[in-house]
Amino acid sequence: MRVVVLGCGYVGLELGRQLREHGHDVVGVRRSESGLASVADAGLDPARADVTDPETLSDVPDADWLVFAASSGGRGADAARRVFVDGLKNAIDEFASRESPPERLVYTSSTGVYGDHGGDWVDEGTPLDPTTDKTSVLAEAEAVALSAPLASTVARFAGLYGPERYRLDRYLTGPVTEGYLNMVHRDDAAGAVRFALEEGVDDVLLVVDDEPVSKWEFADWLADACGVDRPEKRTKEERLAAGDLSEAARRRILTSKRCSNDRLRTLGYEYAYPTFREGYRAAVDAYRGDA
């Protein structure tokens, strides 16, 4: 199969590597020269296009499978809408209208669309309740993907971590605010998308590891593993009362949930890193080696 990955970045490059190992041809689409270089360095076929500029998409080769993994670059809701909603519509219009349209579309979303559930469990059937303008845009983009004239999958990623994204200092230095962490290693985020493509998984797929964990428990485990003192802890009320939070940080503290991967497990996906303990081992070893 030929797979076109639109926005072939942190997860997309790893996805491309896994797909190549499974015998597929992969075209990695980026809009910058540096991005194209990273695609080529990963052994994938680079193609330059910008999902917000529909004319550029016409130069991208046909796809048997299409993955939309573009990023808005951490910018606000307006930029997110241009990429995730308008850009996704541009991609669907372009590829679905071709003589050989894709057999499947995968759109990568976020568990942020669930909003706050007071620490309760959520799964693919839980109603969406986005609490920010940006997560509302992500929910709208999910609807665009699921209504496309293609077999479609929405992969909702939990918090991504992995090489270059371990962020040890955040939890080793503290203070650490109470709440839950829902995480998935980059390799399993990519692996779940590959699995959805190869197995023809429809609808929504929650991509998270086996063990949502309290931030306090995770911070203590990480400190113990790294051989340092456990960090200071704060309740939500204490952290909010400090008055030095950005609005985005405040919203993160006020949204708590535990995400279930029962569907992905039941379908047969096998995790490379089933929990943070396996996933953070390389980072811990590197930290101890440098200490």
C-alpha atoms as a PDB file:
ATOM      1  CA  MET A   1       0.000   0.000   0.000  1.00  0.00           C
ATOM      2  CA  ARG A   2       1.047   3.587  -0.554  1.00  0.00           C
ATOM      3  CA  VAL A   3       0.452   5.683   2.552  1.00  0.00           C
ATOM      4  CA  VAL A   4       0.464   9.476   2.454  1.00  0.00           C
ATOM      5  CA  VAL A   5       1.095  11.113   5.825  1.00  0.00           C
ATOM      6  CA  LEU A   6       0.036  14.755   5.847  1.00  0.00           C
ATOM      7  CA  GLY A   7       2.012  16.521   8.564  1.00  0.00           C
ATOM      8  CA  CYS A   8       4.746  13.917   8.879  1.00  0.00           C
ATOM      9  CA  GLY A   9       6.215  15.131  12.157  1.00  0.00           C
ATOM     10  CA  TYR A  10       6.857  13.635  15.574  1.00  0.00           C
ATOM     11  CA  VAL A  11       4.377  10.750  15.308  1.00  0.00           C
ATOM     12  CA  GLY A  12       4.232  10.718  11.501  1.00  0.00           C
ATOM     13  CA  LEU A  13       7.937   9.977  11.068  1.00  0.00           C
ATOM     14  CA  GLU A  14       7.725   7.018  13.435  1.00  0.00           C
ATOM     15  CA  LEU A  15       4.545   5.866  11.709  1.00  0.00           C
ATOM     16  CA  GLY A  16       6.364   6.028   8.386  1.00  0.00           C
ATOM     17  CA  ARG A  17       9.235   3.952   9.721  1.00  0.00           C
ATOM     18  CA  GLN A  18       6.861   1.291  11.033  1.00  0.00           C
ATOM     19  CA  LEU A  19       4.871   1.191   7.801  1.00  0.00           C
ATOM     20  CA  ARG A  20       8.053   0.808   5.770  1.00  0.00           C
ATOM     21  CA  GLU A  21       9.066  -2.115   7.989  1.00  0.00           C
ATOM     22  CA  HIS A  22       5.693  -3.692   7.198  1.00  0.00           C
ATOM     23  CA  GLY A  23       6.294  -3.399   3.463  1.00  0.00           C
ATOM     24  CA  HIS A  24       4.318  -0.252   2.640  1.00  0.00           C
ATOM     25  CA  ASP A  25       5.438   2.735   0.586  1.00  0.00           C
ATOM     26  CA  VAL A  26       5.243   5.992   2.540  1.00  0.00           C
ATOM     27  CA  VAL A  27       5.065   9.592   1.346  1.00  0.00           C
ATOM     28  CA  GLY A  28       5.731  12.106   4.104  1.00  0.00           C
ATOM     29  CA  VAL A  29       4.221  15.537   3.438  1.00  0.00           C
ATOM     30  CA  ARG A  30       5.668  18.659   5.065  1.00  0.00           C
ATOM     31  CA  ARG A  31       5.496  22.340   4.200  1.00  0.00           C
ATOM     32  CA  SER A  32       9.050  23.409   5.138  1.00  0.00           C
ATOM     33  CA  GLU A  33      12.479  22.529   3.787  1.00  0.00           C
ATOM     34  CA  SER A  34      13.659  21.388   7.218  1.00  0.00           C
ATOM     35  CA  GLY A  35      10.583  19.199   7.525  1.00  0.00           C
ATOM     36  CA  LEU A  36      11.220  17.632   4.146  1.00  0.00           C
ATOM     37  CA  ALA A  37      14.805  16.931   5.156  1.00  0.00           C
ATOM     38  CA  SER A  38      13.630  15.041   8.253  1.00  0.00           C
ATOM     39  CA  VAL A  39      11.280  12.976   6.082  1.00  0.00           C
ATOM     40  CA  ALA A  40      14.123  12.058   3.722  1.00  0.00           C
ATOM     41  CA  ASP A  41      16.425  11.291   6.657  1.00  0.00           C
ATOM     42  CA  ALA A  42      13.831   8.810   7.932  1.00  0.00           C
ATOM     43  CA  GLY A  43      13.972   6.959   4.614  1.00  0.00           C
ATOM     44  CA  LEU A  44      10.526   8.107   3.469  1.00  0.00           C
ATOM     45  CA  ASP A  45       9.534   9.771   0.198  1.00  0.00           C
ATOM     46  CA  PRO A  46       9.219  13.529   0.809  1.00  0.00           C
ATOM     47  CA  ALA A  47       6.533  15.710  -0.775  1.00  0.00           C
ATOM     48  CA  ARG A  48       6.028  19.410  -0.157  1.00  0.00           C
ATOM     49  CA  ALA A  49       2.498  20.717   0.442  1.00  0.00           C
ATOM     50  CA  ASP A  50       0.483  22.772   2.898  1.00  0.00           C
ATOM     51  CA  VAL A  51      -2.977  21.522   3.869  1.00  0.00           C
ATOM     52  CA  THR A  52      -4.159  25.126   4.255  1.00  0.00           C
ATOM     53  CA  ASP A  53      -3.275  25.759   0.578  1.00  0.00           C
ATOM     54  CA  PRO A  54      -5.390  23.314  -1.443  1.00  0.00           C
ATOM     55  CA  GLU A  55      -3.549  23.981  -4.700  1.00  0.00           C
ATOM     56  CA  THR A  56      -0.353  22.501  -3.262  1.00  0.00           C
ATOM     57  CA  LEU A  57      -2.078  19.207  -2.466  1.00  0.00           C
ATOM     58  CA  SER A  58      -2.579  18.421  -6.134  1.00  0.00           C
ATOM     59  CA  ASP A  59       1.132  17.615  -6.439  1.00  0.00           C
ATOM     60  CA  VAL A  60       1.019  14.941  -3.717  1.00  0.00           C
ATOM     61  CA  PRO A  61       0.860  11.363  -5.100  1.00  0.00           C
ATOM     62  CA  ASP A  62      -2.270   9.231  -4.842  1.00  0.00           C
ATOM     63  CA  ALA A  63      -2.743   7.318  -1.606  1.00  0.00           C
ATOM     64  CA  ASP A  64      -4.212   3.933  -0.753  1.00  0.00           C
ATOM     65  CA  TRP A  65      -4.297   5.111   2.865  1.00  0.00           C
ATOM     66  CA  LEU A  66      -4.309   8.752   3.955  1.00  0.00           C
ATOM     67  CA  VAL A  67      -3.198   9.934   7.414  1.00  0.00           C
ATOM     68  CA  PHE A  68      -3.901  13.495   8.547  1.00  0.00           C
ATOM     69  CA  ALA A  69      -1.421  14.253  11.323  1.00  0.00           C
ATOM     70  CA  ALA A  70      -0.809  17.953  10.701  1.00  0.00           C
ATOM     71  CA  SER A  71      -0.066  20.298  13.595  1.00  0.00           C
ATOM     72  CA  SER A  72      -1.128  23.876  14.225  1.00  0.00           C
ATOM     73  CA  GLY A  73       2.239  24.523  15.852  1.00  0.00           C
ATOM     74  CA  GLY A  74       0.867  25.153  19.337  1.00  0.00           C
ATOM     75  CA  ARG A  75      -0.917  28.308  18.238  1.00  0.00           C
ATOM     76  CA  GLY A  76      -4.456  29.432  19.124  1.00  0.00           C
ATOM     77  CA  ALA A  77      -7.913  28.366  18.051  1.00  0.00           C
ATOM     78  CA  ASP A  78      -7.967  30.337  14.799  1.00  0.00           C
ATOM     79  CA  ALA A  79      -4.755  28.713  13.592  1.00  0.00           C
ATOM     80  CA  ALA A  80      -6.074  25.342  14.740  1.00  0.00           C
ATOM     81  CA  ARG A  81      -9.252  25.830  12.714  1.00  0.00           C
ATOM     82  CA  ARG A  82      -7.281  26.663   9.573  1.00  0.00           C
ATOM     83  CA  VAL A  83      -5.292  23.456   9.910  1.00  0.00           C
ATOM     84  CA  PHE A  84      -7.592  20.903  11.534  1.00  0.00           C
ATOM     85  CA  VAL A  85     -10.954  21.862  10.040  1.00  0.00           C
ATOM     86  CA  ASP A  86     -10.237  23.775   6.839  1.00  0.00           C
ATOM     87  CA  GLY A  87      -7.039  21.856   6.093  1.00  0.00           C
ATOM     88  CA  LEU A  88      -8.736  18.515   6.680  1.00  0.00           C
ATOM     89  CA  LYS A  89     -11.595  19.518   4.382  1.00  0.00           C
ATOM     90  CA  ASN A  90      -9.050  20.523   1.733  1.00  0.00           C
ATOM     91  CA  ALA A  91      -7.332  17.146   2.003  1.00  0.00           C
ATOM     92  CA  ILE A  92     -10.586  15.202   1.839  1.00  0.00           C
ATOM     93  CA  ASP A  93     -11.823  17.206  -1.146  1.00  0.00           C
ATOM     94  CA  GLU A  94      -8.533  16.684  -2.982  1.00  0.00           C
ATOM     95  CA  PHE A  95      -8.007  12.977  -2.395  1.00  0.00           C
ATOM     96  CA  ALA A  96     -11.647  11.822  -2.418  1.00  0.00           C
ATOM     97  CA  SER A  97     -12.182  13.417  -5.834  1.00  0.00           C
ATOM     98  CA  ARG A  98      -9.294  11.579  -7.477  1.00  0.00           C
ATOM     99  CA  GLU A  99      -9.733   8.723  -9.904  1.00  0.00           C
ATOM    100  CA  SER A 100      -8.133   6.445  -7.302  1.00  0.00           C
ATOM    101  CA  PRO A 101      -9.294   7.772  -3.913  1.00  0.00           C
ATOM    102  CA  PRO A 102      -7.863   6.407  -0.649  1.00  0.00           C
ATOM    103  CA  GLU A 103      -9.367   3.318   0.891  1.00  0.00           C
ATOM    104  CA  ARG A 104      -9.084   4.803   4.393  1.00  0.00           C
ATOM    105  CA  LEU A 105      -8.498   8.071   6.197  1.00  0.00           C
ATOM    106  CA  VAL A 106      -7.055   8.344   9.703  1.00  0.00           C
ATOM    107  CA  TYR A 107      -7.335  11.687  11.490  1.00  0.00           C
ATOM    108  CA  THR A 108      -5.254  12.121  14.645  1.00  0.00           C
ATOM    109  CA  SER A 109      -7.096  13.960  17.410  1.00  0.00           C
ATOM    110  CA  SER A 110      -6.681  14.408  21.162  1.00  0.00           C
ATOM    111  CA  THR A 111      -8.283  13.208  24.382  1.00  0.00           C
ATOM    112  CA  GLY A 112      -8.711  16.913  25.158  1.00  0.00           C
ATOM    113  CA  VAL A 113     -12.102  16.695  23.435  1.00  0.00           C
ATOM    114  CA  TYR A 114     -13.525  14.935  26.529  1.00  0.00           C
ATOM    115  CA  GLY A 115     -13.175  17.895  28.862  1.00  0.00           C
ATOM    116  CA  ASP A 116     -13.482  17.337  32.612  1.00  0.00           C
ATOM    117  CA  HIS A 117     -14.879  14.143  34.138  1.00  0.00           C
ATOM    118  CA  GLY A 118     -13.737  14.551  37.715  1.00  0.00           C
ATOM    119  CA  GLY A 119     -11.242  11.701  37.446  1.00  0.00           C
ATOM    120  CA  ASP A 120     -13.827   9.214  36.113  1.00  0.00           C
ATOM    121  CA  TRP A 121     -13.119   6.826  33.241  1.00  0.00           C
ATOM    122  CA  VAL A 122     -13.901   7.767  29.640  1.00  0.00           C
ATOM    123  CA  ASP A 123     -13.929   5.668  26.475  1.00  0.00           C
ATOM    124  CA  GLU A 124     -14.926   5.951  22.824  1.00  0.00           C
ATOM    125  CA  GLY A 125     -18.598   6.146  23.744  1.00  0.00           C
ATOM    126  CA  THR A 126     -18.263   8.987  26.237  1.00  0.00           C
ATOM    127  CA  PRO A 127     -19.929  12.192  24.954  1.00  0.00           C
ATOM    128  CA  LEU A 128     -17.529  14.946  24.032  1.00  0.00           C
ATOM    129  CA  ASP A 129     -17.381  18.060  26.178  1.00  0.00           C
ATOM    130  CA  PRO A 130     -14.496  20.244  24.995  1.00  0.00           C
ATOM    131  CA  THR A 131     -13.764  23.074  27.406  1.00  0.00           C
ATOM    132  CA  THR A 132     -11.557  25.329  25.266  1.00  0.00           C
ATOM    133  CA  ASP A 133     -11.852  26.962  21.867  1.00  0.00           C
ATOM    134  CA  LYS A 134      -9.029  24.785  20.591  1.00  0.00           C
ATOM    135  CA  THR A 135     -10.473  21.474  21.779  1.00  0.00           C
ATOM    136  CA  SER A 136     -13.826  22.536  20.327  1.00  0.00           C
ATOM    137  CA  VAL A 137     -12.042  22.878  16.988  1.00  0.00           C
ATOM    138  CA  LEU A 138     -10.623  19.372  17.400  1.00  0.00           C
ATOM    139  CA  ALA A 139     -14.113  17.992  18.043  1.00  0.00           C
ATOM    140  CA  GLU A 140     -15.391  19.751  14.928  1.00  0.00           C
ATOM    141  CA  ALA A 141     -12.531  18.278  12.901  1.00  0.00           C
ATOM    142  CA  GLU A 142     -13.421  14.797  14.170  1.00  0.00           C
ATOM    143  CA  ALA A 143     -16.924  15.270  12.778  1.00  0.00           C
ATOM    144  CA  VAL A 144     -15.442  16.312   9.433  1.00  0.00           C
ATOM    145  CA  ALA A 145     -13.299  13.171   9.324  1.00  0.00           C
ATOM    146  CA  LEU A 146     -16.107  10.805  10.305  1.00  0.00           C
ATOM    147  CA  SER A 147     -18.466  12.300   7.697  1.00  0.00           C
ATOM    148  CA  ALA A 148     -15.906  12.029   4.878  1.00  0.00           C
ATOM    149  CA  PRO A 149     -16.780   9.950   1.792  1.00  0.00           C
ATOM    150  CA  LEU A 150     -14.006   7.561   2.814  1.00  0.00           C
ATOM    151  CA  ALA A 151     -13.740   4.840   5.419  1.00  0.00           C
ATOM    152  CA  SER A 152     -12.509   6.864   8.369  1.00  0.00           C
ATOM    153  CA  THR A 153     -10.852   6.446  11.744  1.00  0.00           C
ATOM    154  CA  VAL A 154     -10.339   9.092  14.417  1.00  0.00           C
ATOM    155  CA  ALA A 155      -7.375   8.264  16.652  1.00  0.00           C
ATOM    156  CA  ARG A 156      -7.606  10.233  19.912  1.00  0.00           C
ATOM    157  CA  PHE A 157      -4.107  10.505  21.350  1.00  0.00           C
ATOM    158  CA  ALA A 158      -3.461  10.860  25.061  1.00  0.00           C
ATOM    159  CA  GLY A 159      -0.414  12.888  26.131  1.00  0.00           C
ATOM    160  CA  LEU A 160       2.483  12.018  23.864  1.00  0.00           C
ATOM    161  CA  TYR A 161       5.937  11.344  25.237  1.00  0.00           C
ATOM    162  CA  GLY A 162       9.104   9.672  24.013  1.00  0.00           C
ATOM    163  CA  PRO A 163      12.476  10.683  22.583  1.00  0.00           C
ATOM    164  CA  GLU A 164      13.008  14.447  22.993  1.00  0.00           C
ATOM    165  CA  ARG A 165       9.688  14.731  24.860  1.00  0.00           C
ATOM    166  CA  TYR A 166      10.225  13.161  28.263  1.00  0.00           C
ATOM    167  CA  ARG A 167      10.161  16.483  30.188  1.00  0.00           C
ATOM    168  CA  LEU A 168      11.709  15.010  33.314  1.00  0.00           C
ATOM    169  CA  ASP A 169      12.255  18.396  34.950  1.00  0.00           C
ATOM    170  CA  ARG A 170       8.534  19.088  35.109  1.00  0.00           C
ATOM    171  CA  TYR A 171       8.017  16.212  37.544  1.00  0.00           C
ATOM    172  CA  LEU A 172      11.424  15.987  39.218  1.00  0.00           C
ATOM    173  CA  THR A 173      11.600  19.674  40.157  1.00  0.00           C
ATOM    174  CA  GLY A 174       7.976  20.243  41.137  1.00  0.00           C
ATOM    175  CA  PRO A 175       5.754  21.402  42.575  1.00  0.00           C
ATOM    176  CA  VAL A 176       3.444  18.729  41.162  1.00  0.00           C
ATOM    177  CA  THR A 177      -0.299  19.384  41.158  1.00  0.00           C
ATOM    178  CA  GLU A 178      -2.758  16.553  41.784  1.00  0.00           C
ATOM    179  CA  GLY A 179      -4.688  15.029  38.893  1.00  0.00           C
ATOM    180  CA  TYR A 180      -4.349  12.208  36.385  1.00  0.00           C
ATOM    181  CA  LEU A 181      -1.890  11.667  33.566  1.00  0.00           C
ATOM    182  CA  ASN A 182      -3.099   9.866  30.460  1.00  0.00           C
ATOM    183  CA  MET A 183      -0.073   9.038  28.340  1.00  0.00           C
ATOM    184  CA  VAL A 184       1.056   7.094  25.300  1.00  0.00           C
ATOM    185  CA  HIS A 185       4.580   6.619  24.003  1.00  0.00           C
ATOM    186  CA  ARG A 186       5.234   8.021  20.532  1.00  0.00           C
ATOM    187  CA  ASP A 187       5.996   4.544  19.200  1.00  0.00           C
ATOM    188  CA  ASP A 188       2.619   3.223  20.367  1.00  0.00           C
ATOM    189  CA  ALA A 189       0.765   6.268  19.054  1.00  0.00           C
ATOM    190  CA  ALA A 190       2.285   5.502  15.655  1.00  0.00           C
ATOM    191  CA  GLY A 191       1.743   1.779  16.150  1.00  0.00           C
ATOM    192  CA  ALA A 192      -1.939   2.249  16.889  1.00  0.00           C
ATOM    193  CA  VAL A 193      -2.419   4.261  13.680  1.00  0.00           C
ATOM    194  CA  ARG A 194      -0.560   1.598  11.694  1.00  0.00           C
ATOM    195  CA  PHE A 195      -2.762  -1.041  13.338  1.00  0.00           C
ATOM    196  CA  ALA A 196      -5.933   0.910  12.479  1.00  0.00           C
ATOM    197  CA  LEU A 197      -4.841   1.145   8.839  1.00  0.00           C
ATOM    198  CA  GLU A 198      -3.830  -2.479   8.456  1.00  0.00           C
ATOM    199  CA  GLU A 199      -6.816  -3.878  10.359  1.00  0.00           C
ATOM    200  CA  GLY A 200      -9.403  -1.490   8.884  1.00  0.00           C
ATOM    201  CA  VAL A 201     -10.582  -0.111  12.228  1.00  0.00           C
ATOM    202  CA  ASP A 202     -13.603   2.169  11.826  1.00  0.00           C
ATOM    203  CA  ASP A 203     -14.900   5.082  13.859  1.00  0.00           C
ATOM    204  CA  VAL A 204     -13.090   6.306  16.987  1.00  0.00           C
ATOM    205  CA  LEU A 205     -10.082   4.740  18.671  1.00  0.00           C
ATOM    206  CA  LEU A 206      -8.757   5.984  22.010  1.00  0.00           C
ATOM    207  CA  VAL A 207      -4.959   5.710  21.969  1.00  0.00           C
ATOM    208  CA  VAL A 208      -3.625   5.598  25.535  1.00  0.00           C
ATOM    209  CA  ASP A 209      -1.499   3.154  27.507  1.00  0.00           C
ATOM    210  CA  ASP A 210      -2.683   0.636  30.083  1.00  0.00           C
ATOM    211  CA  GLU A 211      -2.310   2.766  33.188  1.00  0.00           C
ATOM    212  CA  PRO A 212      -3.562   6.307  33.634  1.00  0.00           C
ATOM    213  CA  VAL A 213      -1.703   7.397  36.758  1.00  0.00           C
ATOM    214  CA  SER A 214      -2.015  10.151  39.319  1.00  0.00           C
ATOM    215  CA  LYS A 215       0.551  12.905  38.811  1.00  0.00           C
ATOM    216  CA  TRP A 216       1.715  12.520  42.409  1.00  0.00           C
ATOM    217  CA  GLU A 217       2.258   8.778  42.020  1.00  0.00           C
ATOM    218  CA  PHE A 218       4.071   9.252  38.726  1.00  0.00           C
ATOM    219  CA  ALA A 219       6.292  12.000  40.142  1.00  0.00           C
ATOM    220  CA  ASP A 220       7.258   9.843  43.121  1.00  0.00           C
ATOM    221  CA  TRP A 221       8.000   6.836  40.906  1.00  0.00           C
ATOM    222  CA  LEU A 222      10.115   8.971  38.597  1.00  0.00           C
ATOM    223  CA  ALA A 223      12.069  10.537  41.465  1.00  0.00           C
ATOM    224  CA  ASP A 224      12.725   7.125  43.009  1.00  0.00           C
ATOM    225  CA  ALA A 225      13.806   5.692  39.661  1.00  0.00           C
ATOM    226  CA  CYS A 226      16.138   8.630  39.035  1.00  0.00           C
ATOM    227  CA  GLY A 227      17.551   8.499  42.560  1.00  0.00           C
ATOM    228  CA  VAL A 228      16.500  12.005  43.630  1.00  0.00           C
ATOM    229  CA  ASP A 229      14.256  13.445  46.342  1.00  0.00           C
ATOM    230  CA  ARG A 230      10.550  13.281  45.750  1.00  0.00           C
ATOM    231  CA  PRO A 231       9.141  16.641  44.601  1.00  0.00           C
ATOM    232  CA  GLU A 232       6.811  18.966  46.464  1.00  0.00           C
ATOM    233  CA  LYS A 233       3.091  18.246  45.983  1.00  0.00           C
ATOM    234  CA  ARG A 234       0.202  20.683  45.770  1.00  0.00           C
ATOM    235  CA  THR A 235      -3.535  20.219  45.689  1.00  0.00           C
ATOM    236  CA  LYS A 236      -5.551  21.803  42.921  1.00  0.00           C
ATOM    237  CA  GLU A 237      -6.829  24.420  45.335  1.00  0.00           C
ATOM    238  CA  GLU A 238      -3.318  25.345  46.433  1.00  0.00           C
ATOM    239  CA  ARG A 239      -2.045  25.621  42.886  1.00  0.00           C
ATOM    240  CA  LEU A 240      -5.007  27.700  41.709  1.00  0.00           C
ATOM    241  CA  ALA A 241      -4.669  30.022  44.705  1.00  0.00           C
ATOM    242  CA  ALA A 242      -1.068  30.826  43.747  1.00  0.00           C
ATOM    243  CA  GLY A 243      -2.442  33.072  41.000  1.00  0.00           C
ATOM    244  CA  ASP A 244       0.510  32.653  38.637  1.00  0.00           C
ATOM    245  CA  LEU A 245      -1.077  30.273  36.134  1.00  0.00           C
ATOM    246  CA  SER A 246      -1.744  30.899  32.471  1.00  0.00           C
ATOM    247  CA  GLU A 247      -5.328  30.319  31.388  1.00  0.00           C
ATOM    248  CA  ALA A 248      -4.255  27.158  29.532  1.00  0.00           C
ATOM    249  CA  ALA A 249      -2.496  25.789  32.634  1.00  0.00           C
ATOM    250  CA  ARG A 250      -5.518  26.612  34.762  1.00  0.00           C
ATOM    251  CA  ARG A 251      -7.800  24.674  32.416  1.00  0.00           C
ATOM    252  CA  ARG A 252      -5.455  21.684  32.462  1.00  0.00           C
ATOM    253  CA  ILE A 253      -5.636  21.566  36.246  1.00  0.00           C
ATOM    254  CA  LEU A 254      -9.435  21.729  36.152  1.00  0.00           C
ATOM    255  CA  THR A 255      -9.866  18.875  33.666  1.00  0.00           C
ATOM    256  CA  SER A 256      -9.356  15.384  35.071  1.00  0.00           C
ATOM    257  CA  LYS A 257     -10.205  12.006  33.575  1.00  0.00           C
ATOM    258  CA  ARG A 258      -8.867   8.485  33.067  1.00  0.00           C
ATOM    259  CA  CYS A 259      -8.869   7.215  29.497  1.00  0.00           C
ATOM    260  CA  SER A 260      -9.564   3.563  28.746  1.00  0.00           C
ATOM    261  CA  ASN A 261      -7.770   1.600  26.011  1.00  0.00           C
ATOM    262  CA  ASP A 262     -10.133  -1.386  26.248  1.00  0.00           C
ATOM    263  CA  ARG A 263     -11.194  -1.110  22.609  1.00  0.00           C
ATOM    264  CA  LEU A 264      -7.651  -0.988  21.253  1.00  0.00           C
ATOM    265  CA  ARG A 265      -6.615  -3.891  23.477  1.00  0.00           C
ATOM    266  CA  THR A 266      -9.702  -5.938  22.534  1.00  0.00           C
ATOM    267  CA  LEU A 267      -8.992  -5.390  18.832  1.00  0.00           C
ATOM    268  CA  GLY A 268      -5.586  -6.977  19.379  1.00  0.00           C
ATOM    269  CA  TYR A 269      -3.032  -4.176  19.442  1.00  0.00           C
ATOM    270  CA  GLU A 270       0.113  -5.108  21.398  1.00  0.00           C
ATOM    271  CA  TYR A 271       1.907  -2.241  23.106  1.00  0.00           C
ATOM    272  CA  ALA A 272       5.641  -1.727  22.916  1.00  0.00           C
ATOM    273  CA  TYR A 273       5.365   0.355  26.102  1.00  0.00           C
ATOM    274  CA  PRO A 274       2.243  -0.712  28.019  1.00  0.00           C
ATOM    275  CA  THR A 275       2.867   1.705  30.917  1.00  0.00           C
ATOM    276  CA  PHE A 276       5.045   4.678  31.803  1.00  0.00           C
ATOM    277  CA  ARG A 277       7.425   2.321  33.628  1.00  0.00           C
ATOM    278  CA  GLU A 278       8.592   0.760  30.376  1.00  0.00           C
ATOM    279  CA  GLY A 279       8.215   3.956  28.375  1.00  0.00           C
ATOM    280  CA  TYR A 280      10.358   6.112  30.657  1.00  0.00           C
ATOM    281  CA  ARG A 281      13.112   3.560  31.189  1.00  0.00           C
ATOM    282  CA  ALA A 282      15.391   5.015  28.495  1.00  0.00           C
ATOM    283  CA  ALA A 283      14.971   8.517  29.939  1.00  0.00           C
ATOM    284  CA  VAL A 284      15.672   7.317  33.476  1.00  0.00           C
ATOM    285  CA  ASP A 285      18.756   5.402  32.372  1.00  0.00           C
ATOM    286  CA  ALA A 286      20.035   8.456  30.517  1.00  0.00           C
ATOM    287  CA  TYR A 287      19.389  10.702  33.528  1.00  0.00           C
ATOM    288  CA  ARG A 288      21.210   8.397  35.919  1.00  0.00           C
ATOM    289  CA  GLY A 289      24.061   8.021  33.463  1.00  0.00           C
ATOM    290  CA  ASP A 290      24.466  11.790  33.201  1.00  0.00           C
ATOM    291  CA  ALA A 291      24.117  12.427  36.951  1.00  0.00           C
END
